[in-house]
Protein backbone atom coordinates (compact mmCIF):
# COMPACT_ATOMS: atom_id res chain seq x y z
CA UNK A 1 107.44 39.57 99.43
CA UNK A 2 104.37 38.72 101.35
CA UNK A 3 100.53 40.20 101.51
CA UNK A 4 101.79 41.51 104.92
CA UNK A 5 104.89 42.95 104.27
CA UNK A 6 103.42 44.53 101.41
CA UNK A 7 100.37 46.19 103.37
CA UNK A 8 102.96 47.32 105.98
CA UNK A 9 105.25 48.96 103.56
CA UNK A 10 102.26 50.88 101.90
CA UNK A 11 101.70 52.48 105.10
CA UNK A 12 104.90 53.31 106.28
CA UNK A 13 105.13 55.46 102.74
CA UNK A 14 101.26 56.94 103.26
CA UNK A 15 102.94 58.17 106.56
CA UNK A 16 105.79 59.69 104.88
CA UNK A 17 103.64 60.87 102.46
CA UNK A 18 101.24 62.12 105.16
CA UNK A 19 104.08 63.81 107.34
CA UNK A 20 105.92 65.75 104.09
CA UNK A 21 102.18 67.47 103.42
CA UNK A 22 102.33 68.91 106.53
CA UNK A 23 105.40 70.40 106.87
CA UNK A 24 104.56 71.90 103.40
CA UNK A 25 101.26 73.02 104.82
CA UNK A 26 102.62 74.03 108.28
CA UNK A 27 106.41 75.08 108.24
CA UNK A 28 108.41 77.99 108.15
CA UNK A 29 106.87 80.90 106.38
CA UNK A 30 109.18 83.70 106.89
CA UNK A 31 108.12 86.38 104.43
CA UNK A 32 105.04 86.67 101.43
CA UNK A 33 107.44 87.32 98.89
CA UNK A 34 106.60 91.22 99.07
CA UNK A 35 109.91 92.01 101.29
CA UNK A 36 112.35 90.55 103.04
CA UNK A 37 113.02 90.31 107.29
CA UNK A 38 115.36 89.93 109.98
CA UNK A 39 115.08 87.04 111.73
CA UNK A 40 116.74 87.21 115.26
CA UNK A 41 116.80 85.07 118.61
CA UNK A 42 116.91 80.91 119.03
CA UNK A 43 114.24 78.74 117.21
CA UNK A 44 111.31 77.97 119.32
CA UNK A 45 109.45 74.43 118.51
CA UNK A 46 106.38 75.14 116.62
CA UNK A 47 103.23 74.86 118.20
CA UNK A 48 102.95 70.76 118.73
CA UNK A 49 99.25 70.10 118.23
CA UNK A 50 98.61 68.83 114.83
CA UNK A 51 96.10 70.83 112.24
CA UNK A 52 94.58 68.83 109.50
CA UNK A 53 96.21 68.79 106.47
CA UNK A 54 93.26 68.57 104.23
CA UNK A 55 92.40 72.26 102.92
CA UNK A 56 94.04 75.75 101.67
CA UNK A 57 95.56 78.84 102.72
CA UNK A 58 92.63 81.61 102.30
CA UNK A 59 92.33 85.00 103.65
CA UNK A 60 89.99 85.25 106.68
CA UNK A 61 90.78 88.90 107.36
CA UNK A 62 93.02 91.97 106.17
CA UNK A 63 93.34 95.79 106.31
CA UNK A 64 95.47 97.67 104.19
CA UNK A 65 97.69 99.76 105.63
CA UNK A 66 96.99 103.31 105.46
CA UNK A 67 99.38 105.93 106.77
CA UNK A 68 101.76 106.31 110.25
CA UNK A 69 99.91 106.92 112.83
CA UNK A 70 99.87 110.54 114.54
CA UNK A 71 101.59 111.11 117.56
CA UNK A 72 104.22 107.79 117.39
CA UNK A 73 106.59 109.34 114.99
CA UNK A 74 109.60 109.26 118.00
CA UNK A 75 108.74 106.66 120.01
CA UNK A 76 106.60 104.48 118.30
CA UNK A 77 104.54 102.11 120.73
CA UNK A 78 107.54 100.56 122.62
CA UNK A 79 107.29 98.66 125.69
CA UNK A 80 103.36 97.94 125.28
CA UNK A 81 101.60 95.12 123.84
CA UNK A 82 99.45 95.99 120.78
CA UNK A 83 96.19 93.41 121.06
CA UNK A 84 94.31 93.83 117.80
CA UNK A 85 91.16 92.55 117.26
CA UNK A 86 89.83 91.15 114.00
CA UNK A 87 86.89 89.38 112.58
CA UNK A 88 86.97 86.27 110.49
CA UNK A 89 85.10 86.15 107.66
CA UNK A 90 86.23 82.11 106.99
CA UNK A 91 87.09 79.39 109.40
CA UNK A 92 90.49 77.12 109.85
CA UNK A 93 92.44 74.62 111.30
CA UNK A 94 95.63 76.62 111.10
CA UNK A 95 96.70 80.72 111.22
CA UNK A 96 99.27 83.21 110.15
CA UNK A 97 99.61 86.78 110.73
CA UNK A 98 101.36 89.52 108.36
CA UNK A 99 102.48 92.52 110.08
CA UNK A 100 103.92 95.64 108.33
CA UNK A 101 106.55 98.27 108.87
CA UNK A 102 105.33 100.44 106.16
CA UNK A 103 105.44 103.31 107.36
CA UNK A 104 108.24 103.31 109.94
CA UNK A 105 111.32 105.03 109.67
CA UNK A 106 113.21 102.44 111.22
CA UNK A 107 113.14 98.43 111.55
CA UNK A 108 110.33 97.30 114.10
CA UNK A 109 111.78 94.44 116.36
CA UNK A 110 108.56 92.35 117.09
CA UNK A 111 109.70 90.16 120.46
CA UNK A 112 107.22 88.88 121.38
CA UNK A 113 103.99 87.90 119.41
CA UNK A 114 100.76 86.12 120.24
CA UNK A 115 97.09 84.79 118.29
CA UNK A 116 93.95 83.86 120.44
CA UNK A 117 90.54 83.25 120.20
CA UNK A 118 89.00 85.77 121.79
CA UNK A 119 86.24 85.15 124.94
CA UNK A 120 83.52 87.59 123.38
CA UNK A 121 82.54 90.22 121.64
CA UNK A 122 83.77 93.68 122.16
CA UNK A 123 86.46 92.10 124.80
CA UNK A 124 90.28 91.73 125.19
CA UNK A 125 90.38 88.65 126.90
CA UNK A 126 91.00 85.13 125.00
CA UNK A 127 89.26 82.19 125.57
CA UNK A 128 91.22 79.50 127.67
CA UNK A 129 93.97 77.28 126.38
CA UNK A 130 93.77 78.92 122.30
CA UNK A 131 96.76 81.20 122.99
CA UNK A 132 99.65 80.48 120.68
CA UNK A 133 103.01 82.10 120.62
CA UNK A 134 103.95 83.14 116.99
CA UNK A 135 106.85 83.21 115.60
CA UNK A 136 108.75 84.02 112.60
CA UNK A 137 111.46 81.28 110.48
CA UNK A 138 111.25 79.50 113.59
CA UNK A 139 112.14 81.83 116.30
CA UNK A 140 110.30 84.16 118.14
CA UNK A 141 111.71 87.08 117.53
CA UNK A 142 111.84 89.31 113.88
CA UNK A 143 113.22 92.64 113.05
CA UNK A 144 111.06 94.22 110.34
CA UNK A 145 113.26 96.81 107.96
CA UNK A 146 111.33 100.31 107.30
CA UNK A 147 108.56 99.68 104.67
CA UNK A 148 108.63 95.84 104.62
CA UNK A 149 106.58 92.99 106.26
CA UNK A 150 106.68 89.96 107.74
CA UNK A 151 104.36 86.42 107.20
CA UNK A 152 104.27 84.37 110.41
CA UNK A 153 104.99 80.86 110.64
CA UNK A 154 101.65 79.04 110.59
CA UNK A 155 100.27 77.75 113.88
CA UNK A 156 97.55 74.86 114.71
CA UNK A 157 94.24 76.98 116.32
CA UNK A 158 91.05 76.06 115.08
CA UNK A 159 89.44 79.46 113.93
CA UNK A 160 85.85 79.93 113.79
CA UNK A 161 83.54 81.36 110.68
CA UNK A 162 82.69 84.48 111.97
CA UNK A 163 84.57 84.53 114.92
CA UNK A 164 86.87 87.57 116.43
CA UNK A 165 90.65 86.46 116.76
CA UNK A 166 92.88 88.47 119.04
CA UNK A 167 96.42 89.13 117.57
CA UNK A 168 99.12 90.63 119.65
CA UNK A 169 103.09 91.75 119.42
CA UNK A 170 105.30 93.80 121.77
CA UNK A 171 108.23 95.61 120.75
CA UNK A 172 110.31 96.87 123.14
CA UNK A 173 112.41 99.51 121.07
CA UNK A 174 111.23 102.78 119.53
CA UNK A 175 110.50 102.00 115.93
CA UNK A 176 108.90 105.79 114.02
CA UNK A 177 105.75 105.97 112.70
CA UNK A 178 103.72 103.24 113.37
CA UNK A 179 101.59 101.44 110.60
CA UNK A 180 97.95 101.39 110.75
CA UNK A 181 94.77 101.27 109.58
CA UNK A 182 92.10 104.34 111.46
CA UNK A 183 88.69 103.95 111.29
CA UNK A 184 88.46 100.47 112.29
CA UNK A 185 84.73 100.31 113.36
CA UNK A 186 86.47 97.89 115.65
CA UNK A 187 87.55 98.38 119.43
CA UNK A 188 91.47 97.32 119.43
CA UNK A 189 93.39 97.40 122.73
CA UNK A 190 96.91 98.51 124.50
CA UNK A 191 98.51 97.66 127.77
CA UNK A 192 101.91 98.33 129.28
CA UNK A 193 104.29 96.01 129.43
CA UNK A 194 104.71 92.72 127.27
CA UNK A 195 101.67 90.97 128.42
CA UNK A 196 100.88 89.24 125.18
CA UNK A 197 99.94 85.91 126.39
CA UNK A 198 97.87 87.41 129.12
CA UNK A 199 94.43 85.58 128.28
CA UNK A 200 92.86 88.21 131.15
CA UNK A 201 91.62 91.82 129.76
CA UNK A 202 92.66 93.70 132.73
CA UNK A 203 96.13 95.45 131.70
CA UNK A 204 94.53 96.51 128.79
CA UNK A 205 92.75 99.19 129.69
CA UNK A 206 93.59 101.41 126.56
CA UNK A 207 91.44 101.04 123.79
CA UNK A 208 91.68 102.45 119.66
CA UNK A 209 89.52 102.34 116.73
CA UNK A 210 92.87 101.18 114.74
CA UNK A 211 94.51 98.18 113.82
CA UNK A 212 98.38 98.55 114.30
CA UNK A 213 100.83 96.29 112.28
CA UNK A 214 99.02 93.87 111.57
CA UNK A 215 96.91 93.59 108.18
CA UNK A 216 96.17 90.03 107.30
CA UNK A 217 94.89 86.85 108.76
CA UNK A 218 95.37 83.71 106.61
CA UNK A 219 93.22 80.42 107.71
CA UNK A 220 94.37 76.65 106.32
CA UNK A 221 90.87 76.15 106.01
CA UNK A 222 88.71 73.36 104.49
CA UNK A 223 85.74 75.61 103.91
CA UNK A 224 87.01 78.06 101.47
CA UNK A 225 88.65 77.32 98.12
CA UNK A 226 90.16 81.06 97.45
CA UNK A 227 89.92 84.43 98.46
CA UNK A 228 87.46 87.29 97.02
CA UNK A 229 89.27 90.67 97.32
CA UNK A 230 87.08 93.82 98.04
CA UNK A 231 88.88 97.12 97.21
CA UNK A 232 87.32 100.74 98.07
CA UNK A 233 87.29 103.72 100.00
CA UNK A 234 85.35 104.97 102.84
CA UNK A 235 82.20 102.89 101.64
CA UNK A 236 83.63 99.38 101.86
CA UNK A 237 85.66 100.56 105.04
CA UNK A 238 82.17 100.86 106.90
CA UNK A 239 83.28 104.09 108.12
CA UNK A 240 79.71 104.79 109.28
CA UNK A 241 78.77 101.25 110.76
CA UNK A 242 77.82 100.40 114.17
CA UNK A 243 81.29 99.97 115.81
CA UNK A 244 82.35 96.34 117.04
CA UNK A 245 79.38 94.52 115.25
CA UNK A 246 80.70 93.65 111.79
CA UNK A 247 77.79 95.26 109.68
CA UNK A 248 80.35 96.88 106.85
CA UNK A 249 78.54 95.48 103.51
CA UNK A 250 81.47 93.12 103.23
CA UNK A 251 81.02 91.42 106.59
CA UNK A 252 77.05 90.96 105.12
CA UNK A 253 78.19 89.94 101.96
CA UNK A 254 80.83 86.76 103.58
CA UNK A 255 77.71 85.51 105.74
CA UNK A 256 75.41 85.47 102.61
CA UNK A 257 77.98 83.31 100.96
CA UNK A 258 78.56 80.96 104.07
CA UNK A 259 74.55 81.15 104.23
CA UNK A 260 74.62 80.06 100.92
CA UNK A 261 76.91 77.08 100.93
CA UNK A 262 75.37 75.59 103.79
CA UNK A 263 72.23 75.69 102.17
CA UNK A 264 73.54 73.62 99.03
CA UNK A 265 73.28 76.68 96.18
CA UNK A 266 75.61 76.10 93.70
CA UNK A 267 78.23 79.19 94.61
CA UNK A 268 81.92 79.22 95.44
CA UNK A 269 83.17 78.42 98.58
CA UNK A 270 84.90 81.65 99.26
CA UNK A 271 86.38 83.81 101.85
CA UNK A 272 85.58 87.79 101.91
CA UNK A 273 88.88 90.33 102.89
CA UNK A 274 87.81 94.00 103.09
CA UNK A 275 91.39 96.06 101.54
CA UNK A 276 88.66 99.59 102.04
CA UNK A 277 90.76 102.75 103.13
CA UNK A 278 88.71 106.07 104.10
CA UNK A 279 89.04 109.01 101.38
CA UNK A 280 90.80 106.35 99.14
CA UNK A 281 90.91 107.41 95.41
CA UNK A 282 91.71 105.37 92.08
CA UNK A 283 94.15 107.50 91.12
CA UNK A 284 95.42 109.98 93.52
CA UNK A 285 97.79 109.37 96.29
CA UNK A 286 97.24 111.34 99.90
CA UNK A 287 100.11 113.09 101.17
CA UNK A 288 103.72 111.71 101.46
CA UNK A 289 105.60 111.38 104.36
CA UNK A 290 108.80 113.35 104.36
CA UNK A 291 111.95 111.21 105.26
CA UNK A 292 114.41 112.22 107.97
CA UNK A 293 117.33 113.74 107.41
CA UNK A 294 119.68 110.60 106.90
CA UNK A 295 116.79 108.54 104.82
CA UNK A 296 116.71 109.17 100.86
CA UNK A 297 113.69 110.19 99.07
CA UNK A 298 110.18 110.30 100.42
CA UNK A 299 108.09 107.99 102.57
CA UNK A 300 105.33 106.17 100.89
CA UNK A 301 102.06 107.84 100.53
CA UNK A 302 99.20 107.80 102.89
CA UNK A 303 96.42 106.79 101.79
CA UNK A 304 98.11 105.04 98.56
CA UNK A 305 95.88 105.24 95.66
CA UNK A 306 93.72 102.17 94.11
CA UNK A 307 96.54 101.99 91.45
CA UNK A 308 99.62 102.45 93.76
CA UNK A 309 98.08 99.69 96.36
CA UNK A 310 96.19 97.43 93.77
CA UNK A 311 99.29 94.76 93.69
CA UNK A 312 100.19 94.62 97.45
CA UNK A 313 96.53 95.11 98.64
CA UNK A 314 94.44 92.84 96.02
CA UNK A 315 97.56 90.50 94.05
CA UNK A 316 99.30 90.01 96.89
CA UNK A 317 96.57 88.86 98.85
CA UNK A 318 96.16 85.03 99.69
CA UNK A 319 94.65 82.32 97.08
CA UNK A 320 92.64 85.17 95.19
CA UNK A 321 89.89 84.14 92.77
CA UNK A 322 87.69 87.44 92.63
CA UNK A 323 88.38 91.24 93.11
CA UNK A 324 85.35 93.36 93.74
CA UNK A 325 86.02 97.32 93.21
CA UNK A 326 84.03 100.00 94.55
CA UNK A 327 86.09 102.77 93.54
CA UNK A 328 85.86 106.59 92.36
CA UNK A 329 83.38 108.89 94.02
CA UNK A 330 86.18 110.93 96.15
CA UNK A 331 87.90 111.09 92.52
CA UNK A 332 84.82 113.22 91.94
CA UNK A 333 84.49 114.92 95.37
CA UNK A 334 88.21 115.61 96.54
CA UNK A 335 89.19 116.69 93.11
CA UNK A 336 89.37 120.92 93.46
CA UNK A 337 88.65 121.11 89.65
CA UNK A 338 85.67 119.16 87.66
CA UNK A 339 87.35 116.00 87.18
CA UNK A 340 87.41 114.03 84.07
CA UNK A 341 85.12 110.83 83.84
CA UNK A 342 87.30 109.44 81.10
CA UNK A 343 90.52 109.49 83.12
CA UNK A 344 88.72 107.82 86.34
CA UNK A 345 87.47 105.26 83.90
CA UNK A 346 91.05 104.99 82.27
CA UNK A 347 92.45 104.14 85.85
CA UNK A 348 89.64 101.86 86.98
CA UNK A 349 90.23 99.76 83.43
CA UNK A 350 94.00 99.84 83.91
CA UNK A 351 93.09 98.05 87.71
CA UNK A 352 90.89 95.17 85.52
CA UNK A 353 93.34 94.62 83.08
CA UNK A 354 96.28 93.78 86.31
CA UNK A 355 93.79 91.52 87.44
CA UNK A 356 93.03 89.75 83.72
CA UNK A 357 97.18 89.58 83.72
CA UNK A 358 96.93 86.92 86.72
CA UNK A 359 93.72 85.49 85.18
CA UNK A 360 91.15 87.19 87.86
CA UNK A 361 87.52 88.08 87.58
CA UNK A 362 86.74 91.53 88.70
CA UNK A 363 83.03 92.72 90.10
CA UNK A 364 82.49 96.62 89.74
CA UNK A 365 79.97 98.63 91.47
CA UNK A 366 78.40 101.69 90.33
CA UNK A 367 79.20 104.77 92.44
CA UNK A 368 76.32 105.92 94.72
CA UNK A 369 74.70 108.89 94.79
CA UNK A 370 75.32 112.11 96.84
CA UNK A 371 73.69 114.88 96.73
CA UNK A 372 73.18 117.08 100.22
CA UNK A 373 76.14 116.15 100.58
CA UNK A 374 78.46 119.33 100.99
CA UNK A 375 80.38 118.37 98.28
CA UNK A 376 77.54 117.90 95.40
CA UNK A 377 77.12 120.21 92.65
CA UNK A 378 75.35 119.58 89.51
CA UNK A 379 78.63 119.18 87.38
CA UNK A 380 79.75 116.44 89.67
CA UNK A 381 76.78 114.44 89.76
CA UNK A 382 76.99 114.86 85.68
CA UNK A 383 80.53 112.95 86.04
CA UNK A 384 78.88 110.22 88.66
CA UNK A 385 76.22 109.77 86.13
CA UNK A 386 78.97 109.11 82.75
CA UNK A 387 80.87 107.22 84.77
CA UNK A 388 78.02 104.69 85.58
CA UNK A 389 76.77 104.70 81.96
CA UNK A 390 79.91 103.15 81.00
CA UNK A 391 80.06 100.68 83.77
CA UNK A 392 76.31 99.44 83.04
CA UNK A 393 77.38 99.27 79.67
CA UNK A 394 79.71 96.77 80.49
CA UNK A 395 82.67 98.83 79.33
CA UNK A 396 85.11 98.58 82.76
CA UNK A 397 84.28 95.23 84.96
CA UNK A 398 83.64 91.87 83.93
CA UNK A 399 80.41 91.88 86.13
CA UNK A 400 78.50 94.78 87.89
CA UNK A 401 76.99 95.90 91.21
CA UNK A 402 74.73 98.13 90.54
CA UNK A 403 74.66 99.84 94.05
CA UNK A 404 73.39 103.08 93.25
CA UNK A 405 70.11 101.26 91.57
CA UNK A 406 69.90 99.67 94.54
CA UNK A 407 70.33 102.55 97.00
CA UNK A 408 69.06 105.66 95.59
CA UNK A 409 65.78 107.53 96.43
CA UNK A 410 63.17 106.08 94.13
CA UNK A 411 61.24 109.66 94.05
CA UNK A 412 65.01 111.46 93.87
CA UNK A 413 68.18 108.94 92.61
CA UNK A 414 70.53 111.73 93.16
CA UNK A 415 70.22 110.99 96.68
CA UNK A 416 70.48 107.79 99.05
CA UNK A 417 66.53 106.55 100.31
CA UNK A 418 66.64 108.22 103.91
CA UNK A 419 66.63 104.76 105.20
CA UNK A 420 69.64 103.73 103.72
CA UNK A 421 71.57 107.23 104.58
CA UNK A 422 73.68 107.43 107.31
CA UNK A 423 72.56 110.96 107.72
CA UNK A 424 75.51 112.89 106.08
CA UNK A 425 74.18 111.99 102.61
CA UNK A 426 77.32 110.00 101.13
CA UNK A 427 78.10 107.26 103.72
CA UNK A 428 74.97 104.38 103.96
CA UNK A 429 73.69 103.70 107.28
CA UNK A 430 73.81 99.80 108.55
CA UNK A 431 70.58 98.50 106.87
CA UNK A 432 72.39 100.51 103.77
CA UNK A 433 75.56 98.42 103.62
CA UNK A 434 72.98 95.34 104.71
CA UNK A 435 71.52 96.40 100.82
CA UNK A 436 74.69 96.86 99.48
CA UNK A 437 75.50 93.36 99.97
CA UNK A 438 71.85 91.92 99.35
CA UNK A 439 72.08 93.36 95.91
CA UNK A 440 75.21 91.54 94.62
CA UNK A 441 74.54 88.65 92.55
CA UNK A 442 76.85 85.51 94.04
CA UNK A 443 76.82 84.27 91.03
CA UNK A 444 78.69 86.61 89.43
CA UNK A 445 81.70 84.96 91.68
CA UNK A 446 81.34 82.01 89.85
CA UNK A 447 84.15 81.68 86.77
CA UNK A 448 87.42 83.72 86.16
CA UNK A 449 88.59 86.53 83.71
CA UNK A 450 87.12 86.06 80.45
CA UNK A 451 89.48 86.05 77.64
CA UNK A 452 90.60 88.61 75.31
CA UNK A 453 91.65 88.16 71.67
């Protein structure tokens, strides 16, 4: 064989390897393993734009399904286009989404879905030439059984870090309760008819502060090597933060992490996703939806407990490296009896064990003050203090984010410092959320779960 023929053969082999790599990274991905789906309709060719074939899949945005949306029990959102607006914590050259019918009582048929970059903040309009049709197993239609979710195929789309993304779905038939995440602090939109690939905002006249069906956006990224998942309640959900401003503490943490990496600091290149649900508890669910007479048993719990949802909302996210847990306040406040601190601590330790079983490190937060809130009592304050003492002593988590110390009033540590208080004496202001992110030690994200003998 001549040298020229040898080079030609080598080039051909390299070309085959690159093609196979691209197929593996951007081929069919119909489900993430947590639920089955039914594919329907003819196959549609994948987007022809060739994405970069170097990088890893990471979570760029997520929201936990929290319940069935009131008022949608009969018809769902049949005959309407739902345009969710989400904020990407990290960028990439490809994207895929997870759609959920967890709280539906019948199958959900999506006949048209798309993803695009938003034309600007607070807008339903898409940037020109960024709209991509989403497919599922190569087909434009997917049927999601009640209680299940589906992962779309990947599309080539250059998603910028810190940019807004539009994910739009259209369902022609009634599907029962719409799976949603309320208190999104982000305006999304609805239009009559199939306006899935409409790049203008003209038809999207209805606004909502909730995310519907959509529970995750993953990107194929060379900017991040893994995902930080934050499990929490309204303090993580950012219920009192400014709408459309991305001022939840997790948003600020993501910005800090990106800036530190850009500045050359020796910190992990991780994205940050938010799995907070307002009112969430470690131990107890919300109420359970009844099934129709033809159904079997009860439906899934609204506002499922941290223990109940940990596998799906944390371990089920993409390429998880670190979990941050900020739960426990509602176990104190929403318990009609005086909560047992040891029971709450046992629940938190159970979360840590689940993470450690997967080799995932856990950073935990102290519980912040709430004197002045209507639920405050001296006895409940004593429970909070006992839990915080165990957390600070290193008896619960691998590392600690001391949010209590950072936001408390130095003259009265049982309440927020006034400028960190939103006014309800339980949730922070924008400045308070920023403070939470500022005191989070980025070095705590380094390393994995410690070995246990």
